[in-house]
């Protein structure tokens, strides 16, 4: 995956879709949400790990807010 293909969320951005994968790269967490590779802070790894395979939403609003939107969340 090249540098320009990664999505960097800005304030008030939201990404929705199934969480298809997680990867640690250069001190960041690369989350594949739907078909979008999203760069996130590494501290979200534990939270997102438990949501792999589920439909999620990540909102950037004074930090990052993660929610499970498929009704099968923790």
Protein backbone atom coordinates (compact mmCIF):
# COMPACT_ATOMS: atom_id res chain seq x y z
CA UNK A 1 0.00 0.00 0.00
CA UNK A 2 1.50 3.32 -0.98
CA UNK A 3 1.52 6.55 1.00
CA UNK A 4 -1.06 8.34 -1.18
CA UNK A 5 -3.62 5.52 -0.90
CA UNK A 6 -4.01 5.92 2.88
CA UNK A 7 -6.85 8.12 4.15
CA UNK A 8 -5.99 10.53 6.96
CA UNK A 9 -9.09 11.65 8.79
CA UNK A 10 -9.61 15.35 9.44
CA UNK A 11 -11.72 16.88 12.20
CA UNK A 12 -15.45 16.05 11.70
CA UNK A 13 -14.72 13.21 9.23
CA UNK A 14 -16.51 9.90 9.66
CA UNK A 15 -15.70 6.57 8.03
CA UNK A 16 -18.32 3.77 8.01
CA UNK A 17 -18.06 0.16 6.91
CA UNK A 18 -16.96 -3.32 7.87
CA UNK A 19 -13.64 -3.46 9.68
CA UNK A 20 -11.76 -5.83 7.40
CA UNK A 21 -8.25 -5.63 8.83
CA UNK A 22 -5.72 -3.96 11.12
CA UNK A 23 -2.01 -3.45 10.68
CA UNK A 24 0.62 -1.55 12.67
CA UNK A 25 2.86 0.58 10.47
CA UNK A 26 5.43 3.22 11.49
CA UNK A 27 3.81 3.84 14.88
CA UNK A 28 0.30 4.17 13.43
CA UNK A 29 -2.65 1.82 13.09
CA UNK A 30 -3.79 1.13 9.55
CA UNK A 31 -7.43 0.02 9.57
CA UNK A 32 -9.11 -1.31 6.46
CA UNK A 33 -12.69 -0.05 6.76
CA UNK A 34 -14.63 -1.30 3.78
CA UNK A 35 -12.18 -0.70 0.94
CA UNK A 36 -10.64 2.38 2.58
CA UNK A 37 -7.27 2.12 4.36
CA UNK A 38 -7.53 4.63 7.23
CA UNK A 39 -4.59 5.84 9.32
CA UNK A 40 -5.50 5.96 13.03
CA UNK A 41 -3.67 6.43 16.34
CA UNK A 42 -2.09 3.25 17.68
CA UNK A 43 -4.00 3.58 20.98
CA UNK A 44 -7.21 2.49 19.16
CA UNK A 45 -5.77 -0.96 18.44
CA UNK A 46 -7.30 -2.80 21.42
CA UNK A 47 -10.73 -1.27 20.85
CA UNK A 48 -10.73 -2.02 17.13
CA UNK A 49 -9.29 -5.53 17.50
CA UNK A 50 -12.50 -6.63 19.22
CA UNK A 51 -14.56 -5.20 16.33
CA UNK A 52 -12.85 -7.01 13.45
CA UNK A 53 -15.43 -8.24 10.96
CA UNK A 54 -18.14 -5.93 12.30
CA UNK A 55 -19.62 -2.82 10.69
CA UNK A 56 -18.20 0.20 12.50
CA UNK A 57 -18.10 3.96 12.39
CA UNK A 58 -15.08 6.07 13.29
CA UNK A 59 -15.73 9.76 13.91
CA UNK A 60 -12.96 12.29 14.43
CA UNK A 61 -14.29 14.89 16.83
CA UNK A 62 -11.87 16.16 19.50
CA UNK A 63 -10.14 12.80 19.18
CA UNK A 64 -11.54 9.60 17.73
CA UNK A 65 -14.87 7.98 18.58
CA UNK A 66 -15.53 4.38 17.56
CA UNK A 67 -18.92 2.68 17.45
CA UNK A 68 -20.26 -0.66 16.34
CA UNK A 69 -23.23 -0.11 14.04
CA UNK A 70 -24.22 -3.66 13.13
CA UNK A 71 -26.05 -4.46 16.35
CA UNK A 72 -23.54 -7.12 17.38
CA UNK A 73 -21.09 -4.93 19.31
CA UNK A 74 -19.52 -5.60 22.68
